[in-house]
Amino acid sequence: MIDRITGRSRQLASFPESGEVVAEYADASIREVIEGPYRVIYRIRTDVVEVLAVIHGAWPLPPELPAD
């Protein structure tokens, strides 16, 4: 599973807009991709994709993510 999540994170470097906008946050730059039962939450920045969290889909998301 770790290899799959790592591979998915590498994919985001080339295709940052491939994920869906996270409905729980009111920010179009915060997106997610699903890998197995996990949500990979990331932020698109001008020159980098920043992975913010990897959370099991059964767990609630934190109310706030790290600030810009």
PDB file of N, CA and C in Angstrom:
ATOM      1  N   MET A   1       0.835  -1.189   0.000  1.00  0.00           N
ATOM      2  CA  MET A   1       0.000   0.000   0.000  1.00  0.00           C
ATOM      3  C   MET A   1       0.881   1.255   0.000  1.00  0.00           C
ATOM      4  N   ILE A   2       1.958   1.235   0.742  1.00  0.00           N
ATOM      5  CA  ILE A   2       2.853   2.396   0.776  1.00  0.00           C
ATOM      6  C   ILE A   2       3.395   2.696  -0.617  1.00  0.00           C
ATOM      7  N   ASP A   3       3.787   1.657  -1.350  1.00  0.00           N
ATOM      8  CA  ASP A   3       4.291   1.847  -2.710  1.00  0.00           C
ATOM      9  C   ASP A   3       3.213   2.437  -3.621  1.00  0.00           C
ATOM     10  N   ARG A   4       1.991   1.995  -3.457  1.00  0.00           N
ATOM     11  CA  ARG A   4       0.894   2.523  -4.280  1.00  0.00           C
ATOM     12  C   ARG A   4       0.637   3.998  -3.977  1.00  0.00           C
ATOM     13  N   ILE A   5       0.640   4.363  -2.704  1.00  0.00           N
ATOM     14  CA  ILE A   5       0.419   5.759  -2.318  1.00  0.00           C
ATOM     15  C   ILE A   5       1.579   6.627  -2.792  1.00  0.00           C
ATOM     16  N   THR A   6       2.797   6.129  -2.660  1.00  0.00           N
ATOM     17  CA  THR A   6       3.973   6.864  -3.128  1.00  0.00           C
ATOM     18  C   THR A   6       3.908   7.064  -4.640  1.00  0.00           C
ATOM     19  N   GLY A   7       3.538   6.020  -5.367  1.00  0.00           N
ATOM     20  CA  GLY A   7       3.397   6.132  -6.817  1.00  0.00           C
ATOM     21  C   GLY A   7       2.348   7.147  -7.211  1.00  0.00           C
ATOM     22  N   ARG A   8       1.250   7.167  -6.487  1.00  0.00           N
ATOM     23  CA  ARG A   8       0.174   8.116  -6.768  1.00  0.00           C
ATOM     24  C   ARG A   8       0.653   9.538  -6.509  1.00  0.00           C
ATOM     25  N   SER A   9       1.453   9.721  -5.454  1.00  0.00           N
ATOM     26  CA  SER A   9       2.002  11.043  -5.148  1.00  0.00           C
ATOM     27  C   SER A   9       2.930  11.515  -6.260  1.00  0.00           C
ATOM     28  N   ARG A  10       3.723  10.621  -6.813  1.00  0.00           N
ATOM     29  CA  ARG A  10       4.605  10.981  -7.933  1.00  0.00           C
ATOM     30  C   ARG A  10       3.785  11.381  -9.164  1.00  0.00           C
ATOM     31  N   GLN A  11       2.687  10.703  -9.379  1.00  0.00           N
ATOM     32  CA  GLN A  11       1.810  11.022 -10.513  1.00  0.00           C
ATOM     33  C   GLN A  11       1.311  12.464 -10.405  1.00  0.00           C
ATOM     34  N   LEU A  12       1.055  12.916  -9.189  1.00  0.00           N
ATOM     35  CA  LEU A  12       0.537  14.269  -8.987  1.00  0.00           C
ATOM     36  C   LEU A  12       1.524  15.339  -9.439  1.00  0.00           C
ATOM     37  N   ALA A  13       2.818  15.044  -9.418  1.00  0.00           N
ATOM     38  CA  ALA A  13       3.811  16.009  -9.876  1.00  0.00           C
ATOM     39  C   ALA A  13       3.604  16.338 -11.353  1.00  0.00           C
ATOM     40  N   SER A  14       3.206  15.348 -12.138  1.00  0.00           N
ATOM     41  CA  SER A  14       2.980  15.551 -13.568  1.00  0.00           C
ATOM     42  C   SER A  14       1.549  15.974 -13.896  1.00  0.00           C
ATOM     43  N   PHE A  15       0.608  15.525 -13.100  1.00  0.00           N
ATOM     44  CA  PHE A  15      -0.810  15.784 -13.360  1.00  0.00           C
ATOM     45  C   PHE A  15      -1.492  16.296 -12.085  1.00  0.00           C
ATOM     46  N   PRO A  16      -1.140  17.491 -11.635  1.00  0.00           N
ATOM     47  CA  PRO A  16      -1.658  17.964 -10.344  1.00  0.00           C
ATOM     48  C   PRO A  16      -3.172  18.157 -10.293  1.00  0.00           C
ATOM     49  N   GLU A  17      -3.802  18.399 -11.422  1.00  0.00           N
ATOM     50  CA  GLU A  17      -5.247  18.616 -11.405  1.00  0.00           C
ATOM     51  C   GLU A  17      -6.034  17.337 -11.660  1.00  0.00           C
ATOM     52  N   SER A  18      -5.361  16.190 -11.552  1.00  0.00           N
ATOM     53  CA  SER A  18      -6.049  14.914 -11.792  1.00  0.00           C
ATOM     54  C   SER A  18      -6.978  14.521 -10.654  1.00  0.00           C
ATOM     55  N   GLY A  19      -6.758  15.093  -9.480  1.00  0.00           N
ATOM     56  CA  GLY A  19      -7.620  14.783  -8.341  1.00  0.00           C
ATOM     57  C   GLY A  19      -8.852  15.670  -8.301  1.00  0.00           C
ATOM     58  N   GLU A  20      -9.765  15.291  -7.447  1.00  0.00           N
ATOM     59  CA  GLU A  20     -11.006  16.040  -7.240  1.00  0.00           C
ATOM     60  C   GLU A  20     -10.814  17.064  -6.122  1.00  0.00           C
ATOM     61  N   VAL A  21     -11.524  18.165  -6.216  1.00  0.00           N
ATOM     62  CA  VAL A  21     -11.527  19.159  -5.140  1.00  0.00           C
ATOM     63  C   VAL A  21     -12.157  18.510  -3.905  1.00  0.00           C
ATOM     64  N   VAL A  22     -11.552  18.728  -2.752  1.00  0.00           N
ATOM     65  CA  VAL A  22     -12.057  18.145  -1.500  1.00  0.00           C
ATOM     66  C   VAL A  22     -13.284  18.930  -1.049  1.00  0.00           C
ATOM     67  N   ALA A  23     -14.415  18.268  -0.990  1.00  0.00           N
ATOM     68  CA  ALA A  23     -15.692  18.921  -0.666  1.00  0.00           C
ATOM     69  C   ALA A  23     -15.703  19.534   0.740  1.00  0.00           C
ATOM     70  N   GLU A  24     -14.963  18.946   1.662  1.00  0.00           N
ATOM     71  CA  GLU A  24     -14.986  19.424   3.050  1.00  0.00           C
ATOM     72  C   GLU A  24     -14.288  20.766   3.246  1.00  0.00           C
ATOM     73  N   TYR A  25     -13.467  21.173   2.276  1.00  0.00           N
ATOM     74  CA  TYR A  25     -12.726  22.425   2.403  1.00  0.00           C
ATOM     75  C   TYR A  25     -13.153  23.373   1.278  1.00  0.00           C
ATOM     76  N   ALA A  26     -13.279  24.630   1.589  1.00  0.00           N
ATOM     77  CA  ALA A  26     -13.699  25.637   0.601  1.00  0.00           C
ATOM     78  C   ALA A  26     -12.471  26.248  -0.064  1.00  0.00           C
ATOM     79  N   ASP A  27     -11.695  25.411  -0.748  1.00  0.00           N
ATOM     80  CA  ASP A  27     -10.463  25.869  -1.379  1.00  0.00           C
ATOM     81  C   ASP A  27     -10.213  25.010  -2.615  1.00  0.00           C
ATOM     82  N   ALA A  28     -10.277  25.611  -3.781  1.00  0.00           N
ATOM     83  CA  ALA A  28     -10.118  24.861  -5.031  1.00  0.00           C
ATOM     84  C   ALA A  28      -8.714  24.316  -5.223  1.00  0.00           C
ATOM     85  N   SER A  29      -7.743  24.819  -4.471  1.00  0.00           N
ATOM     86  CA  SER A  29      -6.375  24.317  -4.608  1.00  0.00           C
ATOM     87  C   SER A  29      -6.135  23.053  -3.784  1.00  0.00           C
ATOM     88  N   ILE A  30      -7.076  22.695  -2.915  1.00  0.00           N
ATOM     89  CA  ILE A  30      -6.942  21.488  -2.101  1.00  0.00           C
ATOM     90  C   ILE A  30      -7.732  20.377  -2.771  1.00  0.00           C
ATOM     91  N   ARG A  31      -7.006  19.327  -3.150  1.00  0.00           N
ATOM     92  CA  ARG A  31      -7.591  18.231  -3.915  1.00  0.00           C
ATOM     93  C   ARG A  31      -7.252  16.903  -3.266  1.00  0.00           C
ATOM     94  N   GLU A  32      -7.836  15.845  -3.820  1.00  0.00           N
ATOM     95  CA  GLU A  32      -7.553  14.512  -3.298  1.00  0.00           C
ATOM     96  C   GLU A  32      -7.583  13.490  -4.421  1.00  0.00           C
ATOM     97  N   VAL A  33      -6.815  12.430  -4.215  1.00  0.00           N
ATOM     98  CA  VAL A  33      -6.910  11.231  -5.034  1.00  0.00           C
ATOM     99  C   VAL A  33      -7.137  10.080  -4.065  1.00  0.00           C
ATOM    100  N   ILE A  34      -7.794   9.070  -4.540  1.00  0.00           N
ATOM    101  CA  ILE A  34      -8.093   7.898  -3.712  1.00  0.00           C
ATOM    102  C   ILE A  34      -7.168   6.770  -4.134  1.00  0.00           C
ATOM    103  N   GLU A  35      -6.564   6.129  -3.159  1.00  0.00           N
ATOM    104  CA  GLU A  35      -5.746   4.946  -3.415  1.00  0.00           C
ATOM    105  C   GLU A  35      -6.155   3.895  -2.393  1.00  0.00           C
ATOM    106  N   GLY A  36      -6.842   2.868  -2.876  1.00  0.00           N
ATOM    107  CA  GLY A  36      -7.380   1.857  -1.959  1.00  0.00           C
ATOM    108  C   GLY A  36      -8.338   2.537  -1.002  1.00  0.00           C
ATOM    109  N   PRO A  37      -8.205   2.261   0.293  1.00  0.00           N
ATOM    110  CA  PRO A  37      -9.107   2.890   1.255  1.00  0.00           C
ATOM    111  C   PRO A  37      -8.618   4.261   1.746  1.00  0.00           C
ATOM    112  N   TYR A  38      -7.556   4.792   1.140  1.00  0.00           N
ATOM    113  CA  TYR A  38      -6.946   6.035   1.622  1.00  0.00           C
ATOM    114  C   TYR A  38      -7.235   7.221   0.717  1.00  0.00           C
ATOM    115  N   ARG A  39      -7.341   8.373   1.343  1.00  0.00           N
ATOM    116  CA  ARG A  39      -7.477   9.652   0.648  1.00  0.00           C
ATOM    117  C   ARG A  39      -6.138  10.370   0.757  1.00  0.00           C
ATOM    118  N   VAL A  40      -5.563  10.716  -0.367  1.00  0.00           N
ATOM    119  CA  VAL A  40      -4.326  11.492  -0.391  1.00  0.00           C
ATOM    120  C   VAL A  40      -4.747  12.941  -0.645  1.00  0.00           C
ATOM    121  N   ILE A  41      -4.633  13.764   0.379  1.00  0.00           N
ATOM    122  CA  ILE A  41      -5.057  15.155   0.321  1.00  0.00           C
ATOM    123  C   ILE A  41      -3.833  16.002  -0.013  1.00  0.00           C
ATOM    124  N   TYR A  42      -3.962  16.865  -1.018  1.00  0.00           N
ATOM    125  CA  TYR A  42      -2.816  17.676  -1.425  1.00  0.00           C
ATOM    126  C   TYR A  42      -3.247  19.067  -1.843  1.00  0.00           C
ATOM    127  N   ARG A  43      -2.266  19.969  -1.865  1.00  0.00           N
ATOM    128  CA  ARG A  43      -2.501  21.352  -2.267  1.00  0.00           C
ATOM    129  C   ARG A  43      -1.658  21.638  -3.502  1.00  0.00           C
ATOM    130  N   ILE A  44      -2.273  22.280  -4.489  1.00  0.00           N
ATOM    131  CA  ILE A  44      -1.552  22.698  -5.684  1.00  0.00           C
ATOM    132  C   ILE A  44      -1.016  24.104  -5.442  1.00  0.00           C
ATOM    133  N   ARG A  45       0.288  24.240  -5.554  1.00  0.00           N
ATOM    134  CA  ARG A  45       0.932  25.553  -5.461  1.00  0.00           C
ATOM    135  C   ARG A  45       1.471  25.907  -6.841  1.00  0.00           C
ATOM    136  N   THR A  46       1.993  27.083  -6.986  1.00  0.00           N
ATOM    137  CA  THR A  46       2.482  27.540  -8.279  1.00  0.00           C
ATOM    138  C   THR A  46       3.503  26.593  -8.889  1.00  0.00           C
ATOM    139  N   ASP A  47       4.469  26.151  -8.111  1.00  0.00           N
ATOM    140  CA  ASP A  47       5.556  25.346  -8.655  1.00  0.00           C
ATOM    141  C   ASP A  47       5.743  23.997  -7.967  1.00  0.00           C
ATOM    142  N   VAL A  48       4.795  23.601  -7.141  1.00  0.00           N
ATOM    143  CA  VAL A  48       4.946  22.344  -6.396  1.00  0.00           C
ATOM    144  C   VAL A  48       3.571  21.812  -5.982  1.00  0.00           C
ATOM    145  N   VAL A  49       3.509  20.509  -5.810  1.00  0.00           N
ATOM    146  CA  VAL A  49       2.318  19.871  -5.239  1.00  0.00           C
ATOM    147  C   VAL A  49       2.708  19.423  -3.833  1.00  0.00           C
ATOM    148  N   GLU A  50       1.952  19.846  -2.854  1.00  0.00           N
ATOM    149  CA  GLU A  50       2.266  19.596  -1.452  1.00  0.00           C
ATOM    150  C   GLU A  50       1.258  18.597  -0.871  1.00  0.00           C
ATOM    151  N   VAL A  51       1.730  17.405  -0.496  1.00  0.00           N
ATOM    152  CA  VAL A  51       0.846  16.426   0.141  1.00  0.00           C
ATOM    153  C   VAL A  51       0.622  16.872   1.582  1.00  0.00           C
ATOM    154  N   LEU A  52      -0.644  17.054   1.939  1.00  0.00           N
ATOM    155  CA  LEU A  52      -1.008  17.547   3.264  1.00  0.00           C
ATOM    156  C   LEU A  52      -1.343  16.425   4.228  1.00  0.00           C
ATOM    157  N   ALA A  53      -1.949  15.347   3.713  1.00  0.00           N
ATOM    158  CA  ALA A  53      -2.370  14.260   4.597  1.00  0.00           C
ATOM    159  C   ALA A  53      -2.690  13.017   3.778  1.00  0.00           C
ATOM    160  N   VAL A  54      -2.507  11.882   4.406  1.00  0.00           N
ATOM    161  CA  VAL A  54      -2.982  10.602   3.878  1.00  0.00           C
ATOM    162  C   VAL A  54      -3.868  10.030   4.973  1.00  0.00           C
ATOM    163  N   ILE A  55      -5.160   9.922   4.678  1.00  0.00           N
ATOM    164  CA  ILE A  55      -6.141   9.577   5.712  1.00  0.00           C
ATOM    165  C   ILE A  55      -7.002   8.411   5.229  1.00  0.00           C
ATOM    166  N   HIS A  56      -7.237   7.460   6.110  1.00  0.00           N
ATOM    167  CA  HIS A  56      -8.145   6.363   5.786  1.00  0.00           C
ATOM    168  C   HIS A  56      -9.539   6.947   5.528  1.00  0.00           C
ATOM    169  N   GLY A  57     -10.194   6.455   4.509  1.00  0.00           N
ATOM    170  CA  GLY A  57     -11.494   6.976   4.118  1.00  0.00           C
ATOM    171  C   GLY A  57     -12.569   6.895   5.185  1.00  0.00           C
ATOM    172  N   ALA A  58     -12.411   6.002   6.170  1.00  0.00           N
ATOM    173  CA  ALA A  58     -13.394   5.878   7.240  1.00  0.00           C
ATOM    174  C   ALA A  58     -13.194   6.928   8.336  1.00  0.00           C
ATOM    175  N   TRP A  59     -12.076   7.616   8.315  1.00  0.00           N
ATOM    176  CA  TRP A  59     -11.781   8.615   9.341  1.00  0.00           C
ATOM    177  C   TRP A  59     -12.230   9.993   8.885  1.00  0.00           C
ATOM    178  N   PRO A  60     -12.652  10.829   9.810  1.00  0.00           N
ATOM    179  CA  PRO A  60     -13.028  12.203   9.430  1.00  0.00           C
ATOM    180  C   PRO A  60     -11.781  13.028   9.104  1.00  0.00           C
ATOM    181  N   LEU A  61     -11.946  13.991   8.241  1.00  0.00           N
ATOM    182  CA  LEU A  61     -10.841  14.901   7.942  1.00  0.00           C
ATOM    183  C   LEU A  61     -10.687  15.895   9.078  1.00  0.00           C
ATOM    184  N   PRO A  62      -9.464  16.396   9.296  1.00  0.00           N
ATOM    185  CA  PRO A  62      -9.311  17.427  10.339  1.00  0.00           C
ATOM    186  C   PRO A  62     -10.051  18.690   9.919  1.00  0.00           C
ATOM    187  N   PRO A  63     -10.542  19.470  10.869  1.00  0.00           N
ATOM    188  CA  PRO A  63     -11.300  20.671  10.523  1.00  0.00           C
ATOM    189  C   PRO A  63     -10.466  21.703   9.777  1.00  0.00           C
ATOM    190  N   GLU A  64      -9.153  21.699   9.995  1.00  0.00           N
ATOM    191  CA  GLU A  64      -8.261  22.636   9.314  1.00  0.00           C
ATOM    192  C   GLU A  64      -7.029  21.895   8.845  1.00  0.00           C
ATOM    193  N   LEU A  65      -6.470  22.362   7.761  1.00  0.00           N
ATOM    194  CA  LEU A  65      -5.221  21.809   7.237  1.00  0.00           C
ATOM    195  C   LEU A  65      -4.113  22.822   7.478  1.00  0.00           C
ATOM    196  N   PRO A  66      -2.858  22.422   7.318  1.00  0.00           N
ATOM    197  CA  PRO A  66      -1.769  23.383   7.528  1.00  0.00           C
ATOM    198  C   PRO A  66      -1.969  24.638   6.689  1.00  0.00           C
ATOM    199  N   ALA A  67      -1.647  25.775   7.281  1.00  0.00           N
ATOM    200  CA  ALA A  67      -1.820  27.050   6.596  1.00  0.00           C
ATOM    201  C   ALA A  67      -0.862  27.186   5.424  1.00  0.00           C
ATOM    202  N   ASP A  68      -1.186  28.112   4.546  1.00  0.00           N
ATOM    203  CA  ASP A  68      -0.324  28.374   3.384  1.00  0.00           C
ATOM    204  C   ASP A  68       1.075  28.684   3.771  1.00  0.00           C
TER     205      ASP A  68
END
